[in-house]
Amino acid sequence: MNEADEEPHFTAAVIGAAGTIGAAISAELESRFAGSNIIRLSRPGEIQSSLGHIPIDITAENSIAAAAAQVSATSKHLDLVLVATGLLHRSDLQPEKTWRSLSRNNMAQAFLVNAIGPALVGSAFLPLLARNRRVVFAALSARVGSIGDNALGGWHSYRASKAALNMLLRNFSIELAARNRQGICVALHPGTVDSPLSQPFHKGIPKQQVITPERSARCLVDVIEQLTVEDSGRFIDWKGEILPY
């Protein structure tokens, strides 16, 4: 990551920093970049007063705008924005195994959290990225959101909402390039991480394929560090493999 002379510190904003992967990525960035300024943003209900997180609800436009304004007021320009949010299941919402399980409300919730929310974050936070040096905007997607890699079907809402996210990030990469020739925008697959999001679905997955949040974070930050402008618009996994959209 490059640093401008007048801004000696690498500055990143991590949205979803109270989540399992977001917290691990925040910690990894902080330890890797000496003197860095890692701005953590989280849902209001997940914030502990001692953590100093900025509140953000990615399902509410006014909350996103307020969070972006707060970040802008304290940090002149950002080097990295990473969206580490996502919705696969909750008590009233489970991945569909068949088209017969499709529900308008469940689909709307999946798209709101997995595609619309990150898109609105992009709209508010992309303008905060520095314009005179290498910058990265990234969001966590999922391999099951790859259309070209889908051989199993099912999980309709989650797959489709993550595929929509991938397209939005591809669009953003084109627009970002016109603003900053050193700008990079990517979708990242974090792997199958041992987290509340994936734990109900670990049965049947070989144990060695489930990775810790810390390992995922280290590998994702490695990938982010190694990105070039040629990677902008791509869908890349935690090992650096380019995935099909």
C-alpha atoms as a PDB file:
ATOM      1  CA  MET A   1       0.000   0.000   0.000  1.00  0.00           C
ATOM      2  CA  ASN A   2       1.294   3.457  -0.877  1.00  0.00           C
ATOM      3  CA  GLU A   3       1.187   6.428   1.431  1.00  0.00           C
ATOM      4  CA  ALA A   4       1.077  10.070   0.414  1.00  0.00           C
ATOM      5  CA  ASP A   5       3.793  12.288   1.920  1.00  0.00           C
ATOM      6  CA  GLU A   6       1.276  14.457   3.769  1.00  0.00           C
ATOM      7  CA  GLU A   7      -0.577  11.425   5.135  1.00  0.00           C
ATOM      8  CA  PRO A   8       1.924   9.094   6.788  1.00  0.00           C
ATOM      9  CA  HIS A   9      -0.591   6.544   7.973  1.00  0.00           C
ATOM     10  CA  PHE A  10      -2.318   3.823   5.973  1.00  0.00           C
ATOM     11  CA  THR A  11      -6.041   4.315   6.533  1.00  0.00           C
ATOM     12  CA  ALA A  12      -8.700   1.672   6.042  1.00  0.00           C
ATOM     13  CA  ALA A  13     -12.412   1.442   6.775  1.00  0.00           C
ATOM     14  CA  VAL A  14     -13.792  -2.009   7.562  1.00  0.00           C
ATOM     15  CA  ILE A  15     -17.582  -2.254   7.400  1.00  0.00           C
ATOM     16  CA  GLY A  16     -18.847  -5.177   9.452  1.00  0.00           C
ATOM     17  CA  ALA A  17     -15.846  -5.017  11.775  1.00  0.00           C
ATOM     18  CA  ALA A  18     -17.683  -6.621  14.700  1.00  0.00           C
ATOM     19  CA  GLY A  19     -18.356  -9.775  12.704  1.00  0.00           C
ATOM     20  CA  THR A  20     -16.094 -12.826  12.827  1.00  0.00           C
ATOM     21  CA  ILE A  21     -14.221 -12.164   9.584  1.00  0.00           C
ATOM     22  CA  GLY A  22     -14.411  -8.377   9.808  1.00  0.00           C
ATOM     23  CA  ALA A  23     -12.848  -8.402  13.276  1.00  0.00           C
ATOM     24  CA  ALA A  24     -10.049 -10.713  12.136  1.00  0.00           C
ATOM     25  CA  ILE A  25      -9.313  -8.564   9.080  1.00  0.00           C
ATOM     26  CA  SER A  26      -9.287  -5.387  11.185  1.00  0.00           C
ATOM     27  CA  ALA A  27      -6.801  -6.944  13.598  1.00  0.00           C
ATOM     28  CA  GLU A  28      -4.630  -8.231  10.756  1.00  0.00           C
ATOM     29  CA  LEU A  29      -4.508  -4.837   9.067  1.00  0.00           C
ATOM     30  CA  GLU A  30      -3.655  -3.125  12.327  1.00  0.00           C
ATOM     31  CA  SER A  31      -0.807  -5.507  13.108  1.00  0.00           C
ATOM     32  CA  ARG A  32       0.596  -5.555   9.597  1.00  0.00           C
ATOM     33  CA  PHE A  33       0.688  -1.816   8.904  1.00  0.00           C
ATOM     34  CA  ALA A  34       2.591   0.032  11.613  1.00  0.00           C
ATOM     35  CA  GLY A  35       0.972   3.346  12.473  1.00  0.00           C
ATOM     36  CA  SER A  36      -2.129   2.430  10.510  1.00  0.00           C
ATOM     37  CA  ASN A  37      -5.558   3.893  11.144  1.00  0.00           C
ATOM     38  CA  ILE A  38      -8.137   1.111  10.941  1.00  0.00           C
ATOM     39  CA  ILE A  39     -11.637   2.555  11.179  1.00  0.00           C
ATOM     40  CA  ARG A  40     -14.130  -0.049  12.357  1.00  0.00           C
ATOM     41  CA  LEU A  41     -17.794   0.291  11.433  1.00  0.00           C
ATOM     42  CA  SER A  42     -20.460  -2.065  12.760  1.00  0.00           C
ATOM     43  CA  ARG A  43     -24.169  -2.475  13.277  1.00  0.00           C
ATOM     44  CA  PRO A  44     -25.323  -0.427  16.291  1.00  0.00           C
ATOM     45  CA  GLY A  45     -26.452  -3.547  18.152  1.00  0.00           C
ATOM     46  CA  GLU A  46     -22.995  -5.129  17.806  1.00  0.00           C
ATOM     47  CA  ILE A  47     -21.016  -2.172  19.130  1.00  0.00           C
ATOM     48  CA  GLN A  48     -19.470  -2.232  22.586  1.00  0.00           C
ATOM     49  CA  SER A  49     -18.647   1.198  23.975  1.00  0.00           C
ATOM     50  CA  SER A  50     -15.026   0.187  24.621  1.00  0.00           C
ATOM     51  CA  LEU A  51     -14.434  -0.741  20.994  1.00  0.00           C
ATOM     52  CA  GLY A  52     -14.964   2.708  19.525  1.00  0.00           C
ATOM     53  CA  HIS A  53     -16.741   1.425  16.421  1.00  0.00           C
ATOM     54  CA  ILE A  54     -18.664   3.832  14.219  1.00  0.00           C
ATOM     55  CA  PRO A  55     -22.294   2.705  13.904  1.00  0.00           C
ATOM     56  CA  ILE A  56     -23.568   1.729  10.462  1.00  0.00           C
ATOM     57  CA  ASP A  57     -26.646  -0.134   9.297  1.00  0.00           C
ATOM     58  CA  ILE A  58     -26.069  -1.114   5.678  1.00  0.00           C
ATOM     59  CA  THR A  59     -29.806  -1.602   5.184  1.00  0.00           C
ATOM     60  CA  ALA A  60     -30.516   2.083   5.934  1.00  0.00           C
ATOM     61  CA  GLU A  61     -29.332   4.808   3.551  1.00  0.00           C
ATOM     62  CA  ASN A  62     -29.324   7.531   6.216  1.00  0.00           C
ATOM     63  CA  SER A  63     -27.132   5.389   8.487  1.00  0.00           C
ATOM     64  CA  ILE A  64     -24.640   4.773   5.668  1.00  0.00           C
ATOM     65  CA  ALA A  65     -24.541   8.484   4.818  1.00  0.00           C
ATOM     66  CA  ALA A  66     -24.000   9.437   8.473  1.00  0.00           C
ATOM     67  CA  ALA A  67     -21.196   6.888   8.856  1.00  0.00           C
ATOM     68  CA  ALA A  68     -19.476   8.105   5.686  1.00  0.00           C
ATOM     69  CA  ALA A  69     -19.713  11.700   6.911  1.00  0.00           C
ATOM     70  CA  GLN A  70     -18.172  10.720  10.255  1.00  0.00           C
ATOM     71  CA  VAL A  71     -15.312   8.892   8.528  1.00  0.00           C
ATOM     72  CA  SER A  72     -14.750  11.811   6.147  1.00  0.00           C
ATOM     73  CA  ALA A  73     -14.601  14.262   9.052  1.00  0.00           C
ATOM     74  CA  THR A  74     -11.793  12.349  10.768  1.00  0.00           C
ATOM     75  CA  SER A  75      -9.821  10.908   7.826  1.00  0.00           C
ATOM     76  CA  LYS A  76      -8.877  12.990   4.811  1.00  0.00           C
ATOM     77  CA  HIS A  77      -8.568  10.065   2.395  1.00  0.00           C
ATOM     78  CA  LEU A  78      -8.855   6.293   2.623  1.00  0.00           C
ATOM     79  CA  ASP A  79      -6.489   3.689   1.158  1.00  0.00           C
ATOM     80  CA  LEU A  80      -8.838   0.737   1.615  1.00  0.00           C
ATOM     81  CA  VAL A  81     -12.538   0.171   2.090  1.00  0.00           C
ATOM     82  CA  LEU A  82     -13.554  -3.404   2.842  1.00  0.00           C
ATOM     83  CA  VAL A  83     -17.165  -4.525   3.208  1.00  0.00           C
ATOM     84  CA  ALA A  84     -17.271  -7.654   5.380  1.00  0.00           C
ATOM     85  CA  THR A  85     -21.014  -8.095   5.758  1.00  0.00           C
ATOM     86  CA  GLY A  86     -23.371 -10.810   4.593  1.00  0.00           C
ATOM     87  CA  LEU A  87     -26.529 -12.780   5.303  1.00  0.00           C
ATOM     88  CA  LEU A  88     -26.885 -16.511   4.692  1.00  0.00           C
ATOM     89  CA  HIS A  89     -29.300 -17.547   7.428  1.00  0.00           C
ATOM     90  CA  ARG A  90     -31.020 -16.533  10.643  1.00  0.00           C
ATOM     91  CA  SER A  91     -33.847 -17.945  12.738  1.00  0.00           C
ATOM     92  CA  ASP A  92     -36.535 -16.972  10.230  1.00  0.00           C
ATOM     93  CA  LEU A  93     -34.474 -17.402   7.051  1.00  0.00           C
ATOM     94  CA  GLN A  94     -32.672 -20.475   5.737  1.00  0.00           C
ATOM     95  CA  PRO A  95     -31.013 -21.199   2.362  1.00  0.00           C
ATOM     96  CA  GLU A  96     -33.534 -22.719  -0.028  1.00  0.00           C
ATOM     97  CA  LYS A  97     -32.933 -26.312  -1.106  1.00  0.00           C
ATOM     98  CA  THR A  98     -35.566 -26.110  -3.845  1.00  0.00           C
ATOM     99  CA  TRP A  99     -37.472 -23.505  -5.843  1.00  0.00           C
ATOM    100  CA  ARG A 100     -40.579 -24.506  -3.859  1.00  0.00           C
ATOM    101  CA  SER A 101     -39.044 -22.808  -0.823  1.00  0.00           C
ATOM    102  CA  LEU A 102     -38.680 -19.405  -2.466  1.00  0.00           C
ATOM    103  CA  SER A 103     -40.208 -16.502  -0.581  1.00  0.00           C
ATOM    104  CA  ARG A 104     -40.443 -12.883  -1.685  1.00  0.00           C
ATOM    105  CA  ASN A 105     -39.594 -11.628   1.799  1.00  0.00           C
ATOM    106  CA  ASN A 106     -36.581 -13.905   2.225  1.00  0.00           C
ATOM    107  CA  MET A 107     -35.274 -13.030  -1.223  1.00  0.00           C
ATOM    108  CA  ALA A 108     -35.710  -9.335  -0.490  1.00  0.00           C
ATOM    109  CA  GLN A 109     -33.758  -9.646   2.773  1.00  0.00           C
ATOM    110  CA  ALA A 110     -30.921 -11.543   1.082  1.00  0.00           C
ATOM    111  CA  PHE A 111     -30.626  -8.953  -1.682  1.00  0.00           C
ATOM    112  CA  LEU A 112     -30.895  -6.061   0.771  1.00  0.00           C
ATOM    113  CA  VAL A 113     -27.988  -7.275   2.909  1.00  0.00           C
ATOM    114  CA  ASN A 114     -25.819  -8.985   0.292  1.00  0.00           C
ATOM    115  CA  ALA A 115     -26.190  -6.673  -2.709  1.00  0.00           C
ATOM    116  CA  ILE A 116     -28.120  -3.467  -2.095  1.00  0.00           C
ATOM    117  CA  GLY A 117     -26.397  -2.632   1.192  1.00  0.00           C
ATOM    118  CA  PRO A 118     -22.834  -3.049  -0.130  1.00  0.00           C
ATOM    119  CA  ALA A 119     -23.811  -1.083  -3.248  1.00  0.00           C
ATOM    120  CA  LEU A 120     -25.009   1.828  -1.121  1.00  0.00           C
ATOM    121  CA  VAL A 121     -21.813   1.589   0.934  1.00  0.00           C
ATOM    122  CA  GLY A 122     -19.897   1.858  -2.326  1.00  0.00           C
ATOM    123  CA  SER A 123     -21.879   4.910  -3.358  1.00  0.00           C
ATOM    124  CA  ALA A 124     -21.021   6.644  -0.082  1.00  0.00           C
ATOM    125  CA  PHE A 125     -17.463   5.408   0.523  1.00  0.00           C
ATOM    126  CA  LEU A 126     -15.886   5.153  -2.934  1.00  0.00           C
ATOM    127  CA  PRO A 127     -15.633   8.979  -3.091  1.00  0.00           C
ATOM    128  CA  LEU A 128     -13.614   8.872   0.163  1.00  0.00           C
ATOM    129  CA  LEU A 129     -10.789   6.879  -1.451  1.00  0.00           C
ATOM    130  CA  ALA A 130      -7.644   8.864  -2.269  1.00  0.00           C
ATOM    131  CA  ARG A 131      -7.374   9.939  -5.907  1.00  0.00           C
ATOM    132  CA  ASN A 132      -3.590  10.225  -6.213  1.00  0.00           C
ATOM    133  CA  ARG A 133      -2.354   6.778  -5.170  1.00  0.00           C
ATOM    134  CA  ARG A 134      -3.181   3.073  -5.150  1.00  0.00           C
ATOM    135  CA  VAL A 135      -6.483   2.404  -3.405  1.00  0.00           C
ATOM    136  CA  VAL A 136      -8.702  -0.649  -3.002  1.00  0.00           C
ATOM    137  CA  PHE A 137     -12.436  -1.127  -2.566  1.00  0.00           C
ATOM    138  CA  ALA A 138     -13.320  -4.731  -1.785  1.00  0.00           C
ATOM    139  CA  ALA A 139     -16.364  -6.636  -0.590  1.00  0.00           C
ATOM    140  CA  LEU A 140     -16.686 -10.193   0.657  1.00  0.00           C
ATOM    141  CA  SER A 141     -18.635 -12.300  -1.792  1.00  0.00           C
ATOM    142  CA  ALA A 142     -18.995 -16.098  -1.831  1.00  0.00           C
ATOM    143  CA  ARG A 143     -17.883 -18.808  -4.220  1.00  0.00           C
ATOM    144  CA  VAL A 144     -21.459 -20.066  -4.410  1.00  0.00           C
ATOM    145  CA  GLY A 145     -22.281 -16.708  -6.026  1.00  0.00           C
ATOM    146  CA  SER A 146     -20.268 -17.709  -9.092  1.00  0.00           C
ATOM    147  CA  ILE A 147     -22.582 -18.529 -12.006  1.00  0.00           C
ATOM    148  CA  GLY A 148     -19.815 -20.325 -13.895  1.00  0.00           C
ATOM    149  CA  ASP A 149     -18.870 -22.439 -10.869  1.00  0.00           C
ATOM    150  CA  ASN A 150     -22.416 -23.482  -9.942  1.00  0.00           C
ATOM    151  CA  ALA A 151     -22.898 -27.220 -10.428  1.00  0.00           C
ATOM    152  CA  LEU A 152     -25.139 -27.937  -7.434  1.00  0.00           C
ATOM    153  CA  GLY A 153     -27.972 -25.402  -7.530  1.00  0.00           C
ATOM    154  CA  GLY A 154     -30.052 -24.524  -4.481  1.00  0.00           C
ATOM    155  CA  TRP A 155     -29.430 -21.663  -2.062  1.00  0.00           C
ATOM    156  CA  HIS A 156     -31.226 -19.511  -4.614  1.00  0.00           C
ATOM    157  CA  SER A 157     -31.443 -16.195  -2.767  1.00  0.00           C
ATOM    158  CA  TYR A 158     -27.916 -16.309  -1.365  1.00  0.00           C
ATOM    159  CA  ARG A 159     -26.348 -17.340  -4.675  1.00  0.00           C
ATOM    160  CA  ALA A 160     -28.294 -14.768  -6.672  1.00  0.00           C
ATOM    161  CA  SER A 161     -27.645 -11.905  -4.243  1.00  0.00           C
ATOM    162  CA  LYS A 162     -23.904 -12.615  -4.200  1.00  0.00           C
ATOM    163  CA  ALA A 163     -23.887 -12.854  -8.011  1.00  0.00           C
ATOM    164  CA  ALA A 164     -25.572  -9.438  -8.057  1.00  0.00           C
ATOM    165  CA  LEU A 165     -22.880  -8.122  -5.707  1.00  0.00           C
ATOM    166  CA  ASN A 166     -20.188  -9.391  -8.082  1.00  0.00           C
ATOM    167  CA  MET A 167     -21.785  -7.505 -10.977  1.00  0.00           C
ATOM    168  CA  LEU A 168     -22.054  -4.313  -8.947  1.00  0.00           C
ATOM    169  CA  LEU A 169     -18.380  -4.511  -8.013  1.00  0.00           C
ATOM    170  CA  ARG A 170     -17.485  -5.057 -11.662  1.00  0.00           C
ATOM    171  CA  ASN A 171     -19.456  -1.906 -12.503  1.00  0.00           C
ATOM    172  CA  PHE A 172     -17.745   0.020  -9.708  1.00  0.00           C
ATOM    173  CA  SER A 173     -14.319  -1.041 -10.992  1.00  0.00           C
ATOM    174  CA  ILE A 174     -15.001   0.605 -14.338  1.00  0.00           C
ATOM    175  CA  GLU A 175     -16.207   3.837 -12.771  1.00  0.00           C
ATOM    176  CA  LEU A 176     -13.359   3.898 -10.240  1.00  0.00           C
ATOM    177  CA  ALA A 177     -10.765   3.572 -13.020  1.00  0.00           C
ATOM    178  CA  ALA A 178     -12.045   6.783 -14.575  1.00  0.00           C
ATOM    179  CA  ARG A 179     -11.521   8.567 -11.253  1.00  0.00           C
ATOM    180  CA  ASN A 180      -8.198   7.040 -10.254  1.00  0.00           C
ATOM    181  CA  ARG A 181      -5.999   5.017 -12.618  1.00  0.00           C
ATOM    182  CA  GLN A 182      -4.519   3.283  -9.576  1.00  0.00           C
ATOM    183  CA  GLY A 183      -7.935   2.343  -8.176  1.00  0.00           C
ATOM    184  CA  ILE A 184      -8.799  -1.333  -7.691  1.00  0.00           C
ATOM    185  CA  CYS A 185     -12.226  -2.803  -6.957  1.00  0.00           C
ATOM    186  CA  VAL A 186     -12.680  -6.530  -6.341  1.00  0.00           C
ATOM    187  CA  ALA A 187     -14.998  -9.193  -4.966  1.00  0.00           C
ATOM    188  CA  LEU A 188     -13.267 -11.509  -2.479  1.00  0.00           C
ATOM    189  CA  HIS A 189     -14.190 -15.029  -1.390  1.00  0.00           C
ATOM    190  CA  PRO A 190     -12.919 -15.593   2.184  1.00  0.00           C
ATOM    191  CA  GLY A 191     -13.073 -19.393   2.077  1.00  0.00           C
ATOM    192  CA  THR A 192     -15.198 -21.597   4.313  1.00  0.00           C
ATOM    193  CA  VAL A 193     -14.512 -19.832   7.588  1.00  0.00           C
ATOM    194  CA  ASP A 194     -15.323 -21.213  11.021  1.00  0.00           C
ATOM    195  CA  SER A 195     -17.944 -18.586  11.822  1.00  0.00           C
ATOM    196  CA  PRO A 196     -21.601 -18.382  12.854  1.00  0.00           C
ATOM    197  CA  LEU A 197     -22.495 -17.812   9.186  1.00  0.00           C
ATOM    198  CA  SER A 198     -21.089 -21.156   8.027  1.00  0.00           C
ATOM    199  CA  GLN A 199     -21.164 -23.347  11.156  1.00  0.00           C
ATOM    200  CA  PRO A 200     -24.648 -24.843  10.548  1.00  0.00           C
ATOM    201  CA  PHE A 201     -23.398 -26.140   7.187  1.00  0.00           C
ATOM    202  CA  HIS A 202     -20.065 -27.687   8.231  1.00  0.00           C
ATOM    203  CA  LYS A 203     -21.518 -31.201   8.221  1.00  0.00           C
ATOM    204  CA  GLY A 204     -20.272 -32.976   5.138  1.00  0.00           C
ATOM    205  CA  ILE A 205     -17.405 -30.521   4.593  1.00  0.00           C
ATOM    206  CA  PRO A 206     -13.933 -32.041   5.151  1.00  0.00           C
ATOM    207  CA  LYS A 207     -12.497 -30.596   8.347  1.00  0.00           C
ATOM    208  CA  GLN A 208      -9.340 -29.400   6.587  1.00  0.00           C
ATOM    209  CA  GLN A 209     -11.424 -27.221   4.266  1.00  0.00           C
ATOM    210  CA  VAL A 210     -12.778 -25.125   7.149  1.00  0.00           C
ATOM    211  CA  ILE A 211     -10.301 -22.380   8.011  1.00  0.00           C
ATOM    212  CA  THR A 212      -9.976 -20.105  11.019  1.00  0.00           C
ATOM    213  CA  PRO A 213     -10.969 -16.437  10.758  1.00  0.00           C
ATOM    214  CA  GLU A 214      -7.357 -15.478  11.443  1.00  0.00           C
ATOM    215  CA  ARG A 215      -6.042 -17.576   8.546  1.00  0.00           C
ATOM    216  CA  SER A 216      -8.686 -16.213   6.214  1.00  0.00           C
ATOM    217  CA  ALA A 217      -7.821 -12.661   7.261  1.00  0.00           C
ATOM    218  CA  ARG A 218      -4.080 -13.171   6.734  1.00  0.00           C
ATOM    219  CA  CYS A 219      -4.642 -14.619   3.291  1.00  0.00           C
ATOM    220  CA  LEU A 220      -7.164 -11.968   2.271  1.00  0.00           C
ATOM    221  CA  VAL A 221      -4.821  -9.166   3.314  1.00  0.00           C
ATOM    222  CA  ASP A 222      -2.043 -10.921   1.362  1.00  0.00           C
ATOM    223  CA  VAL A 223      -4.321 -10.920  -1.684  1.00  0.00           C
ATOM    224  CA  ILE A 224      -5.223  -7.257  -1.197  1.00  0.00           C
ATOM    225  CA  GLU A 225      -1.549  -6.298  -0.934  1.00  0.00           C
ATOM    226  CA  GLN A 226      -0.717  -8.127  -4.143  1.00  0.00           C
ATOM    227  CA  LEU A 227      -3.591  -6.757  -6.243  1.00  0.00           C
ATOM    228  CA  THR A 228      -2.747  -4.765  -9.351  1.00  0.00           C
ATOM    229  CA  VAL A 229      -4.969  -2.598 -11.528  1.00  0.00           C
ATOM    230  CA  GLU A 230      -5.257  -5.572 -13.902  1.00  0.00           C
ATOM    231  CA  ASP A 231      -7.142  -7.378 -11.123  1.00  0.00           C
ATOM    232  CA  SER A 232      -9.752  -4.649 -10.785  1.00  0.00           C
ATOM    233  CA  GLY A 233     -13.219  -5.982 -11.492  1.00  0.00           C
ATOM    234  CA  ARG A 234     -12.261  -9.574 -10.756  1.00  0.00           C
ATOM    235  CA  PHE A 235     -13.646 -12.144  -8.323  1.00  0.00           C
ATOM    236  CA  ILE A 236     -10.735 -13.595  -6.315  1.00  0.00           C
ATOM    237  CA  ASP A 237     -10.603 -16.150  -3.521  1.00  0.00           C
ATOM    238  CA  TRP A 238      -8.514 -16.160  -0.337  1.00  0.00           C
ATOM    239  CA  LYS A 239      -5.754 -18.156  -2.043  1.00  0.00           C
ATOM    240  CA  GLY A 240      -5.450 -15.671  -4.900  1.00  0.00           C
ATOM    241  CA  GLU A 241      -7.334 -17.808  -7.425  1.00  0.00           C
ATOM    242  CA  ILE A 242      -9.416 -15.875  -9.962  1.00  0.00           C
ATOM    243  CA  LEU A 243     -12.965 -17.220  -9.897  1.00  0.00           C
ATOM    244  CA  PRO A 244     -15.489 -17.128 -12.741  1.00  0.00           C
ATOM    245  CA  TYR A 245     -18.419 -14.758 -12.420  1.00  0.00           C
END
